[in-house]
Amino acid sequence: RNIMQTNNNIIIRPESSTDFAAISDLVTRAFDRPSVAELVRLIRASENYVPALSLVAAQNGKVIGHIMLSYVALHDDGHRSRVLMLSPIGIDPGFQGQGIGSRLVREAIRLADEQGELVILLEGSPEYYPRFGFRPSVELGIEFNLAEGMPVEGAMALTLSSYNSASGPKGKIGRASCRERV
């Protein structure tokens, strides 16, 4: 188990089955809707689940943050490859604005890089995620079917050390069936 000790007695570690109920409660409160907890459950039940890249931030044994990286299919002229998608990330409302989300994102990136992954995609804030190195995914030749209301700049990608621009994954990701329910 990779465990990263951070300040304020916050430990970042892979989620375990004993965390599932707390994570469900946390993401429901963080997003103010139960559909995100259902998304997490559906990802866990799918072949796209990557347990080592589903992390929690815990303080004194209480789960206060969660991030999940899982695989999505990237389609390019009949060729299909799997790439990581960062979704969702949720922080307990009482702990937001304290840098816990940033710590989770950095640790998830570090672990994905260590595993030899090529790229991480996400659909999110074009103001927030560039601080971690994310940039518009179209620059890499990766297109999204974005959620309604999401600006084009919200489709972002981060290349990791194993990425090669000549042979890196390109194509279009659809909205994975479990993500369409959110």
C-alpha atoms as a PDB file:
ATOM      1  CA  ARG A   1       0.000   0.000   0.000  1.00  0.00           C
ATOM      2  CA  ASN A   2       1.254   3.436  -0.932  1.00  0.00           C
ATOM      3  CA  ILE A   3       0.482   5.863   1.851  1.00  0.00           C
ATOM      4  CA  MET A   4       1.402   9.523   1.727  1.00  0.00           C
ATOM      5  CA  GLN A   5       1.450  11.310   5.083  1.00  0.00           C
ATOM      6  CA  THR A   6       0.551  14.969   4.789  1.00  0.00           C
ATOM      7  CA  ASN A   7       0.207  17.770   7.294  1.00  0.00           C
ATOM      8  CA  ASN A   8      -2.730  18.120   9.711  1.00  0.00           C
ATOM      9  CA  ASN A   9      -2.592  14.347  10.276  1.00  0.00           C
ATOM     10  CA  ILE A  10      -4.175  13.800   6.873  1.00  0.00           C
ATOM     11  CA  ILE A  11      -3.249  10.493   5.281  1.00  0.00           C
ATOM     12  CA  ILE A  12      -3.795   9.822   1.589  1.00  0.00           C
ATOM     13  CA  ARG A  13      -4.176   6.135   0.814  1.00  0.00           C
ATOM     14  CA  PRO A  14      -5.986   3.752  -1.529  1.00  0.00           C
ATOM     15  CA  GLU A  15      -9.649   3.281  -0.679  1.00  0.00           C
ATOM     16  CA  SER A  16     -10.717   0.012   0.906  1.00  0.00           C
ATOM     17  CA  SER A  17     -14.098  -1.693   1.087  1.00  0.00           C
ATOM     18  CA  THR A  18     -14.475  -0.437   4.658  1.00  0.00           C
ATOM     19  CA  ASP A  19     -14.419   3.132   3.244  1.00  0.00           C
ATOM     20  CA  PHE A  20     -17.210   2.629   0.690  1.00  0.00           C
ATOM     21  CA  ALA A  21     -20.118   3.823   2.864  1.00  0.00           C
ATOM     22  CA  ALA A  22     -18.186   6.891   4.044  1.00  0.00           C
ATOM     23  CA  ILE A  23     -17.157   7.694   0.449  1.00  0.00           C
ATOM     24  CA  SER A  24     -20.753   7.387  -0.719  1.00  0.00           C
ATOM     25  CA  ASP A  25     -21.883   9.785   2.011  1.00  0.00           C
ATOM     26  CA  LEU A  26     -18.995  12.169   1.313  1.00  0.00           C
ATOM     27  CA  VAL A  27     -19.533  12.479  -2.456  1.00  0.00           C
ATOM     28  CA  THR A  28     -23.285  12.850  -1.984  1.00  0.00           C
ATOM     29  CA  ARG A  29     -22.680  15.786   0.374  1.00  0.00           C
ATOM     30  CA  ALA A  30     -19.826  17.267  -1.711  1.00  0.00           C
ATOM     31  CA  PHE A  31     -21.890  17.285  -4.916  1.00  0.00           C
ATOM     32  CA  ASP A  32     -25.269  17.702  -3.214  1.00  0.00           C
ATOM     33  CA  ARG A  33     -26.712  14.843  -5.266  1.00  0.00           C
ATOM     34  CA  PRO A  34     -26.777  11.050  -4.813  1.00  0.00           C
ATOM     35  CA  SER A  35     -26.084  10.334  -8.505  1.00  0.00           C
ATOM     36  CA  VAL A  36     -22.344  10.866  -7.950  1.00  0.00           C
ATOM     37  CA  ALA A  37     -22.276   8.139  -5.286  1.00  0.00           C
ATOM     38  CA  GLU A  38     -24.023   5.899  -7.814  1.00  0.00           C
ATOM     39  CA  LEU A  39     -21.344   6.782 -10.390  1.00  0.00           C
ATOM     40  CA  VAL A  40     -18.631   5.692  -7.934  1.00  0.00           C
ATOM     41  CA  ARG A  41     -20.482   2.427  -7.260  1.00  0.00           C
ATOM     42  CA  LEU A  42     -20.904   1.729 -10.984  1.00  0.00           C
ATOM     43  CA  ILE A  43     -17.229   2.408 -11.712  1.00  0.00           C
ATOM     44  CA  ARG A  44     -16.201   0.056  -8.904  1.00  0.00           C
ATOM     45  CA  ALA A  45     -18.431  -2.660 -10.368  1.00  0.00           C
ATOM     46  CA  SER A  46     -16.944  -2.234 -13.852  1.00  0.00           C
ATOM     47  CA  GLU A  47     -13.814  -3.532 -15.573  1.00  0.00           C
ATOM     48  CA  ASN A  48     -12.586   0.083 -15.650  1.00  0.00           C
ATOM     49  CA  TYR A  49     -12.060   0.296 -11.885  1.00  0.00           C
ATOM     50  CA  VAL A  50      -8.438   0.791 -10.767  1.00  0.00           C
ATOM     51  CA  PRO A  51      -8.342   0.200  -6.991  1.00  0.00           C
ATOM     52  CA  ALA A  52      -4.785   1.555  -6.632  1.00  0.00           C
ATOM     53  CA  LEU A  53      -5.913   4.859  -8.189  1.00  0.00           C
ATOM     54  CA  SER A  54      -9.038   5.339  -6.074  1.00  0.00           C
ATOM     55  CA  LEU A  55      -7.719   7.288  -3.117  1.00  0.00           C
ATOM     56  CA  VAL A  56      -9.059   8.749   0.093  1.00  0.00           C
ATOM     57  CA  ALA A  57      -7.827  11.531   2.309  1.00  0.00           C
ATOM     58  CA  ALA A  58      -8.435  10.587   5.925  1.00  0.00           C
ATOM     59  CA  GLN A  59      -7.942  12.539   9.117  1.00  0.00           C
ATOM     60  CA  ASN A  60      -8.038  10.678  12.418  1.00  0.00           C
ATOM     61  CA  GLY A  61      -9.668   7.744  10.623  1.00  0.00           C
ATOM     62  CA  LYS A  62     -12.445   9.856   9.044  1.00  0.00           C
ATOM     63  CA  VAL A  63     -12.679   9.995   5.229  1.00  0.00           C
ATOM     64  CA  ILE A  64     -12.667  13.681   4.258  1.00  0.00           C
ATOM     65  CA  GLY A  65     -11.743  13.435   0.556  1.00  0.00           C
ATOM     66  CA  HIS A  66     -11.929  11.007  -2.348  1.00  0.00           C
ATOM     67  CA  ILE A  67     -10.546  10.868  -5.881  1.00  0.00           C
ATOM     68  CA  MET A  68     -11.084   8.192  -8.494  1.00  0.00           C
ATOM     69  CA  LEU A  69      -9.136   7.482 -11.654  1.00  0.00           C
ATOM     70  CA  SER A  70     -10.623   4.798 -13.871  1.00  0.00           C
ATOM     71  CA  TYR A  71     -10.315   3.694 -17.460  1.00  0.00           C
ATOM     72  CA  VAL A  72     -12.395   4.990 -20.344  1.00  0.00           C
ATOM     73  CA  ALA A  73     -12.296   3.864 -23.950  1.00  0.00           C
ATOM     74  CA  LEU A  74     -10.676   6.102 -26.537  1.00  0.00           C
ATOM     75  CA  HIS A  75     -11.801   5.380 -30.112  1.00  0.00           C
ATOM     76  CA  ASP A  76      -9.766   6.296 -33.186  1.00  0.00           C
ATOM     77  CA  ASP A  77     -10.818   4.914 -36.596  1.00  0.00           C
ATOM     78  CA  GLY A  78     -11.756   1.514 -35.238  1.00  0.00           C
ATOM     79  CA  HIS A  79      -8.776   1.342 -32.878  1.00  0.00           C
ATOM     80  CA  ARG A  80      -9.692   1.302 -29.180  1.00  0.00           C
ATOM     81  CA  SER A  81      -7.345   2.124 -26.334  1.00  0.00           C
ATOM     82  CA  ARG A  82      -7.848   2.599 -22.612  1.00  0.00           C
ATOM     83  CA  VAL A  83      -6.855   5.814 -20.895  1.00  0.00           C
ATOM     84  CA  LEU A  84      -7.417   7.132 -17.397  1.00  0.00           C
ATOM     85  CA  MET A  85     -10.207   9.540 -16.517  1.00  0.00           C
ATOM     86  CA  LEU A  86     -10.143  11.570 -13.304  1.00  0.00           C
ATOM     87  CA  SER A  87     -13.723  11.549 -12.064  1.00  0.00           C
ATOM     88  CA  PRO A  88     -15.046  12.173  -9.546  1.00  0.00           C
ATOM     89  CA  ILE A  89     -13.133  14.061  -6.895  1.00  0.00           C
ATOM     90  CA  GLY A  90     -14.995  15.153  -3.776  1.00  0.00           C
ATOM     91  CA  ILE A  91     -14.007  16.855  -0.540  1.00  0.00           C
ATOM     92  CA  ASP A  92     -16.101  16.931   2.616  1.00  0.00           C
ATOM     93  CA  PRO A  93     -17.795  20.379   2.594  1.00  0.00           C
ATOM     94  CA  GLY A  94     -16.329  21.125   6.034  1.00  0.00           C
ATOM     95  CA  PHE A  95     -12.788  20.600   4.693  1.00  0.00           C
ATOM     96  CA  GLN A  96     -13.017  22.351   1.314  1.00  0.00           C
ATOM     97  CA  GLY A  97     -10.575  25.146   0.527  1.00  0.00           C
ATOM     98  CA  GLN A  98      -7.759  23.612   2.594  1.00  0.00           C
ATOM     99  CA  GLY A  99      -5.745  22.077  -0.261  1.00  0.00           C
ATOM    100  CA  ILE A 100      -6.936  18.515   0.276  1.00  0.00           C
ATOM    101  CA  GLY A 101      -8.234  18.235  -3.290  1.00  0.00           C
ATOM    102  CA  SER A 102      -4.857  19.405  -4.618  1.00  0.00           C
ATOM    103  CA  ARG A 103      -3.063  16.793  -2.511  1.00  0.00           C
ATOM    104  CA  LEU A 104      -5.356  14.068  -3.822  1.00  0.00           C
ATOM    105  CA  VAL A 105      -4.855  15.153  -7.443  1.00  0.00           C
ATOM    106  CA  ARG A 106      -1.059  15.275  -7.060  1.00  0.00           C
ATOM    107  CA  GLU A 107      -0.899  11.851  -5.409  1.00  0.00           C
ATOM    108  CA  ALA A 108      -3.198  10.294  -8.033  1.00  0.00           C
ATOM    109  CA  ILE A 109      -1.000  11.756 -10.800  1.00  0.00           C
ATOM    110  CA  ARG A 110       2.154  10.446  -9.100  1.00  0.00           C
ATOM    111  CA  LEU A 111       0.749   6.930  -8.725  1.00  0.00           C
ATOM    112  CA  ALA A 112      -0.608   6.817 -12.294  1.00  0.00           C
ATOM    113  CA  ASP A 113       2.804   7.935 -13.563  1.00  0.00           C
ATOM    114  CA  GLU A 114       4.523   5.238 -11.477  1.00  0.00           C
ATOM    115  CA  GLN A 115       2.204   2.642 -13.041  1.00  0.00           C
ATOM    116  CA  GLY A 116       3.382   3.692 -16.505  1.00  0.00           C
ATOM    117  CA  GLU A 117       0.088   5.234 -17.596  1.00  0.00           C
ATOM    118  CA  LEU A 118       0.319   7.599 -20.557  1.00  0.00           C
ATOM    119  CA  VAL A 119      -2.303  10.250 -19.971  1.00  0.00           C
ATOM    120  CA  ILE A 120      -5.040  11.329 -17.567  1.00  0.00           C
ATOM    121  CA  LEU A 121      -8.189  12.947 -18.934  1.00  0.00           C
ATOM    122  CA  LEU A 122     -10.803  14.937 -17.099  1.00  0.00           C
ATOM    123  CA  GLU A 123     -13.846  17.060 -17.636  1.00  0.00           C
ATOM    124  CA  GLY A 124     -13.559  19.987 -15.275  1.00  0.00           C
ATOM    125  CA  SER A 125     -12.704  23.576 -14.480  1.00  0.00           C
ATOM    126  CA  PRO A 126     -10.306  25.172 -16.995  1.00  0.00           C
ATOM    127  CA  GLU A 127      -9.319  27.571 -14.194  1.00  0.00           C
ATOM    128  CA  TYR A 128      -8.444  24.903 -11.597  1.00  0.00           C
ATOM    129  CA  TYR A 129      -6.740  21.972 -13.316  1.00  0.00           C
ATOM    130  CA  PRO A 130      -3.985  23.702 -15.350  1.00  0.00           C
ATOM    131  CA  ARG A 131      -2.060  24.201 -12.077  1.00  0.00           C
ATOM    132  CA  PHE A 132      -1.405  20.429 -12.197  1.00  0.00           C
ATOM    133  CA  GLY A 133      -0.282  20.486 -15.832  1.00  0.00           C
ATOM    134  CA  PHE A 134      -3.630  19.707 -17.476  1.00  0.00           C
ATOM    135  CA  ARG A 135      -4.245  21.389 -20.824  1.00  0.00           C
ATOM    136  CA  PRO A 136      -6.968  21.234 -23.464  1.00  0.00           C
ATOM    137  CA  SER A 137      -7.200  17.621 -24.662  1.00  0.00           C
ATOM    138  CA  VAL A 138      -7.655  18.737 -28.282  1.00  0.00           C
ATOM    139  CA  GLU A 139      -3.960  19.703 -28.223  1.00  0.00           C
ATOM    140  CA  LEU A 140      -3.226  15.960 -27.964  1.00  0.00           C
ATOM    141  CA  GLY A 141      -5.812  14.950 -30.559  1.00  0.00           C
ATOM    142  CA  ILE A 142      -8.278  13.737 -27.926  1.00  0.00           C
ATOM    143  CA  GLU A 143     -11.911  14.842 -28.156  1.00  0.00           C
ATOM    144  CA  PHE A 144     -14.699  14.507 -25.604  1.00  0.00           C
ATOM    145  CA  ASN A 145     -18.426  14.204 -25.811  1.00  0.00           C
ATOM    146  CA  LEU A 146     -18.863  16.858 -23.116  1.00  0.00           C
ATOM    147  CA  ALA A 147     -21.650  17.113 -20.595  1.00  0.00           C
ATOM    148  CA  GLU A 148     -24.267  19.725 -21.345  1.00  0.00           C
ATOM    149  CA  GLY A 149     -23.078  23.168 -20.315  1.00  0.00           C
ATOM    150  CA  MET A 150     -19.401  22.170 -20.058  1.00  0.00           C
ATOM    151  CA  PRO A 151     -17.141  24.580 -21.991  1.00  0.00           C
ATOM    152  CA  VAL A 152     -14.881  23.035 -24.641  1.00  0.00           C
ATOM    153  CA  GLU A 153     -11.891  24.106 -22.513  1.00  0.00           C
ATOM    154  CA  GLY A 154     -13.208  21.770 -19.798  1.00  0.00           C
ATOM    155  CA  ALA A 155     -11.991  18.731 -21.765  1.00  0.00           C
ATOM    156  CA  MET A 156      -8.453  18.414 -20.439  1.00  0.00           C
ATOM    157  CA  ALA A 157      -5.526  16.026 -20.520  1.00  0.00           C
ATOM    158  CA  LEU A 158      -2.288  15.576 -18.634  1.00  0.00           C
ATOM    159  CA  THR A 159       0.563  13.673 -20.256  1.00  0.00           C
ATOM    160  CA  LEU A 160       2.659  11.489 -17.975  1.00  0.00           C
ATOM    161  CA  SER A 161       6.328  10.489 -18.334  1.00  0.00           C
ATOM    162  CA  SER A 162       5.605   7.411 -20.498  1.00  0.00           C
ATOM    163  CA  TYR A 163       3.665   9.487 -23.048  1.00  0.00           C
ATOM    164  CA  ASN A 164       5.145   9.787 -26.530  1.00  0.00           C
ATOM    165  CA  SER A 165       3.588  12.467 -28.735  1.00  0.00           C
ATOM    166  CA  ALA A 166       4.266  10.459 -31.902  1.00  0.00           C
ATOM    167  CA  SER A 167       2.495   7.325 -30.687  1.00  0.00           C
ATOM    168  CA  GLY A 168       0.361   8.658 -27.827  1.00  0.00           C
ATOM    169  CA  PRO A 169      -3.328   7.838 -27.715  1.00  0.00           C
ATOM    170  CA  LYS A 170      -5.604   9.951 -29.881  1.00  0.00           C
ATOM    171  CA  GLY A 171      -9.283   9.817 -30.723  1.00  0.00           C
ATOM    172  CA  LYS A 172     -12.627  10.479 -29.136  1.00  0.00           C
ATOM    173  CA  ILE A 173     -14.065   9.337 -25.865  1.00  0.00           C
ATOM    174  CA  GLY A 174     -17.782   8.922 -25.564  1.00  0.00           C
ATOM    175  CA  ARG A 175     -19.598   9.422 -22.315  1.00  0.00           C
ATOM    176  CA  ALA A 176     -18.983   6.098 -20.614  1.00  0.00           C
ATOM    177  CA  SER A 177     -22.298   4.417 -19.935  1.00  0.00           C
ATOM    178  CA  CYS A 178     -22.015   4.720 -16.159  1.00  0.00           C
ATOM    179  CA  ARG A 179     -21.037   8.396 -16.374  1.00  0.00           C
ATOM    180  CA  GLU A 180     -24.133   9.220 -18.444  1.00  0.00           C
ATOM    181  CA  ARG A 181     -26.258   8.590 -15.368  1.00  0.00           C
ATOM    182  CA  VAL A 182     -24.831  11.571 -13.469  1.00  0.00           C
END
